[in-house]
């Protein structure tokens, strides 16, 4: 898939090892794994098989259209696929959030 980021700050956090270590050392390993899975999967529908540890799932309600991948007990990597279907080949990383 092609991976884009909501803004430069989030892109740097998700792609720069130093930034990960400085800002989110607790999530660094899993964040790196989730980003690599996004980059190597062909479609959104491939993620559950390509990255089973990510527990990728579609959100509901006010967050419909957003998918989440697990980073820790409560923290999730949030992405918005384009188009919003399992065949999506483009995603935008929109946040790292504890929404629980």
C-alpha atoms as a PDB file:
ATOM      1  CA  UNK A   1       0.000   0.000   0.000  1.00  0.00           C
ATOM      2  CA  UNK A   2       0.964   3.582  -0.365  1.00  0.00           C
ATOM      3  CA  UNK A   3       1.220   5.208   3.065  1.00  0.00           C
ATOM      4  CA  UNK A   4       0.761   8.928   3.632  1.00  0.00           C
ATOM      5  CA  UNK A   5       0.616  10.896   6.862  1.00  0.00           C
ATOM      6  CA  UNK A   6      -1.809  13.517   8.162  1.00  0.00           C
ATOM      7  CA  UNK A   7       1.052  15.944   8.776  1.00  0.00           C
ATOM      8  CA  UNK A   8       4.846  16.170   8.845  1.00  0.00           C
ATOM      9  CA  UNK A   9       5.037  15.797  12.630  1.00  0.00           C
ATOM     10  CA  UNK A  10       3.247  12.441  12.520  1.00  0.00           C
ATOM     11  CA  UNK A  11       5.296  11.333   9.503  1.00  0.00           C
ATOM     12  CA  UNK A  12       8.509  12.048  11.367  1.00  0.00           C
ATOM     13  CA  UNK A  13       7.329  10.176  14.467  1.00  0.00           C
ATOM     14  CA  UNK A  14       6.362   7.123  12.389  1.00  0.00           C
ATOM     15  CA  UNK A  15       9.406   6.996  10.115  1.00  0.00           C
ATOM     16  CA  UNK A  16      12.371   8.463  12.024  1.00  0.00           C
ATOM     17  CA  UNK A  17      14.006   6.059  14.505  1.00  0.00           C
ATOM     18  CA  UNK A  18      15.436   8.882  16.620  1.00  0.00           C
ATOM     19  CA  UNK A  19      12.087  10.618  16.847  1.00  0.00           C
ATOM     20  CA  UNK A  20      10.404   7.361  17.899  1.00  0.00           C
ATOM     21  CA  UNK A  21      13.017   6.786  20.581  1.00  0.00           C
ATOM     22  CA  UNK A  22      12.775  10.357  21.836  1.00  0.00           C
ATOM     23  CA  UNK A  23       8.982  10.774  21.827  1.00  0.00           C
ATOM     24  CA  UNK A  24       7.512   7.252  22.158  1.00  0.00           C
ATOM     25  CA  UNK A  25      10.149   4.705  23.247  1.00  0.00           C
ATOM     26  CA  UNK A  26       7.330   2.642  24.792  1.00  0.00           C
ATOM     27  CA  UNK A  27       5.712   2.170  21.364  1.00  0.00           C
ATOM     28  CA  UNK A  28       8.789   2.179  19.132  1.00  0.00           C
ATOM     29  CA  UNK A  29       9.018  -1.545  18.345  1.00  0.00           C
ATOM     30  CA  UNK A  30       5.334  -2.062  17.554  1.00  0.00           C
ATOM     31  CA  UNK A  31       5.019   1.253  15.721  1.00  0.00           C
ATOM     32  CA  UNK A  32       7.845   0.201  13.430  1.00  0.00           C
ATOM     33  CA  UNK A  33       6.127  -3.179  12.855  1.00  0.00           C
ATOM     34  CA  UNK A  34       2.743  -1.611  12.056  1.00  0.00           C
ATOM     35  CA  UNK A  35       4.237   0.900   9.591  1.00  0.00           C
ATOM     36  CA  UNK A  36       6.245  -1.847   7.839  1.00  0.00           C
ATOM     37  CA  UNK A  37       3.074  -3.960   7.597  1.00  0.00           C
ATOM     38  CA  UNK A  38       1.190  -1.063   6.012  1.00  0.00           C
ATOM     39  CA  UNK A  39       3.984  -0.493   3.511  1.00  0.00           C
ATOM     40  CA  UNK A  40       4.341  -4.158   2.556  1.00  0.00           C
ATOM     41  CA  UNK A  41       0.661  -5.140   2.309  1.00  0.00           C
ATOM     42  CA  UNK A  42      -0.945  -4.870  -1.101  1.00  0.00           C
ATOM     43  CA  UNK A  43      -4.413  -3.942   0.208  1.00  0.00           C
ATOM     44  CA  UNK A  44      -6.135  -3.107   3.471  1.00  0.00           C
ATOM     45  CA  UNK A  45      -7.781  -6.525   3.395  1.00  0.00           C
ATOM     46  CA  UNK A  46      -4.337  -8.187   3.491  1.00  0.00           C
ATOM     47  CA  UNK A  47      -3.351  -6.590   6.807  1.00  0.00           C
ATOM     48  CA  UNK A  48      -4.945  -9.143   9.158  1.00  0.00           C
ATOM     49  CA  UNK A  49      -2.966 -11.935   7.452  1.00  0.00           C
ATOM     50  CA  UNK A  50       0.235  -9.946   6.827  1.00  0.00           C
ATOM     51  CA  UNK A  51       0.333  -8.496  10.351  1.00  0.00           C
ATOM     52  CA  UNK A  52      -1.749 -10.695  12.700  1.00  0.00           C
ATOM     53  CA  UNK A  53      -0.097  -9.148  15.769  1.00  0.00           C
ATOM     54  CA  UNK A  54      -1.560  -5.788  14.790  1.00  0.00           C
ATOM     55  CA  UNK A  55      -5.132  -6.910  15.479  1.00  0.00           C
ATOM     56  CA  UNK A  56      -6.245  -4.573  12.670  1.00  0.00           C
ATOM     57  CA  UNK A  57      -9.932  -3.711  12.799  1.00  0.00           C
ATOM     58  CA  UNK A  58     -12.398  -1.172  11.475  1.00  0.00           C
ATOM     59  CA  UNK A  59     -13.783   1.310  13.979  1.00  0.00           C
ATOM     60  CA  UNK A  60     -17.486   2.030  14.337  1.00  0.00           C
ATOM     61  CA  UNK A  61     -19.787   4.933  15.226  1.00  0.00           C
ATOM     62  CA  UNK A  62     -18.191   8.361  15.033  1.00  0.00           C
ATOM     63  CA  UNK A  63     -14.928   6.769  13.919  1.00  0.00           C
ATOM     64  CA  UNK A  64     -16.421   4.793  11.020  1.00  0.00           C
ATOM     65  CA  UNK A  65     -14.057   4.809   8.043  1.00  0.00           C
ATOM     66  CA  UNK A  66     -10.991   4.575  10.280  1.00  0.00           C
ATOM     67  CA  UNK A  67      -8.982   1.423  10.976  1.00  0.00           C
ATOM     68  CA  UNK A  68      -6.833   0.750  14.033  1.00  0.00           C
ATOM     69  CA  UNK A  69      -3.727  -1.366  14.576  1.00  0.00           C
ATOM     70  CA  UNK A  70      -2.607  -2.273  18.094  1.00  0.00           C
ATOM     71  CA  UNK A  71       0.550  -0.685  19.483  1.00  0.00           C
ATOM     72  CA  UNK A  72       0.095  -1.586  23.171  1.00  0.00           C
ATOM     73  CA  UNK A  73      -2.682  -2.377  25.632  1.00  0.00           C
ATOM     74  CA  UNK A  74      -4.607   0.822  24.872  1.00  0.00           C
ATOM     75  CA  UNK A  75      -2.602   2.646  22.197  1.00  0.00           C
ATOM     76  CA  UNK A  76      -3.567   2.312  18.523  1.00  0.00           C
ATOM     77  CA  UNK A  77      -2.230   3.464  15.165  1.00  0.00           C
ATOM     78  CA  UNK A  78      -5.189   4.994  13.308  1.00  0.00           C
ATOM     79  CA  UNK A  79      -5.387   4.967   9.517  1.00  0.00           C
ATOM     80  CA  UNK A  80      -7.975   6.070   6.976  1.00  0.00           C
ATOM     81  CA  UNK A  81      -8.069   3.941   3.804  1.00  0.00           C
ATOM     82  CA  UNK A  82      -8.890   5.307   0.356  1.00  0.00           C
ATOM     83  CA  UNK A  83     -11.343   4.137  -0.788  1.00  0.00           C
ATOM     84  CA  UNK A  84     -12.914   2.910   2.429  1.00  0.00           C
ATOM     85  CA  UNK A  85     -12.947  -0.752   1.480  1.00  0.00           C
ATOM     86  CA  UNK A  86     -10.847  -3.858   1.968  1.00  0.00           C
ATOM     87  CA  UNK A  87      -9.435  -3.325  -1.528  1.00  0.00           C
ATOM     88  CA  UNK A  88      -7.930   0.054  -0.565  1.00  0.00           C
ATOM     89  CA  UNK A  89      -4.329   0.489  -1.720  1.00  0.00           C
ATOM     90  CA  UNK A  90      -3.777   3.932  -0.158  1.00  0.00           C
ATOM     91  CA  UNK A  91      -3.945   4.832   3.533  1.00  0.00           C
ATOM     92  CA  UNK A  92      -3.335   7.976   5.518  1.00  0.00           C
ATOM     93  CA  UNK A  93      -1.951   7.596   9.030  1.00  0.00           C
ATOM     94  CA  UNK A  94      -4.058  10.046  11.028  1.00  0.00           C
ATOM     95  CA  UNK A  95      -3.093   9.513  14.685  1.00  0.00           C
ATOM     96  CA  UNK A  96      -1.531   7.493  17.468  1.00  0.00           C
ATOM     97  CA  UNK A  97      -4.111   7.492  20.190  1.00  0.00           C
ATOM     98  CA  UNK A  98      -5.358   5.894  23.399  1.00  0.00           C
ATOM     99  CA  UNK A  99      -9.096   6.065  22.755  1.00  0.00           C
ATOM    100  CA  UNK A 100     -10.099   3.461  25.348  1.00  0.00           C
END
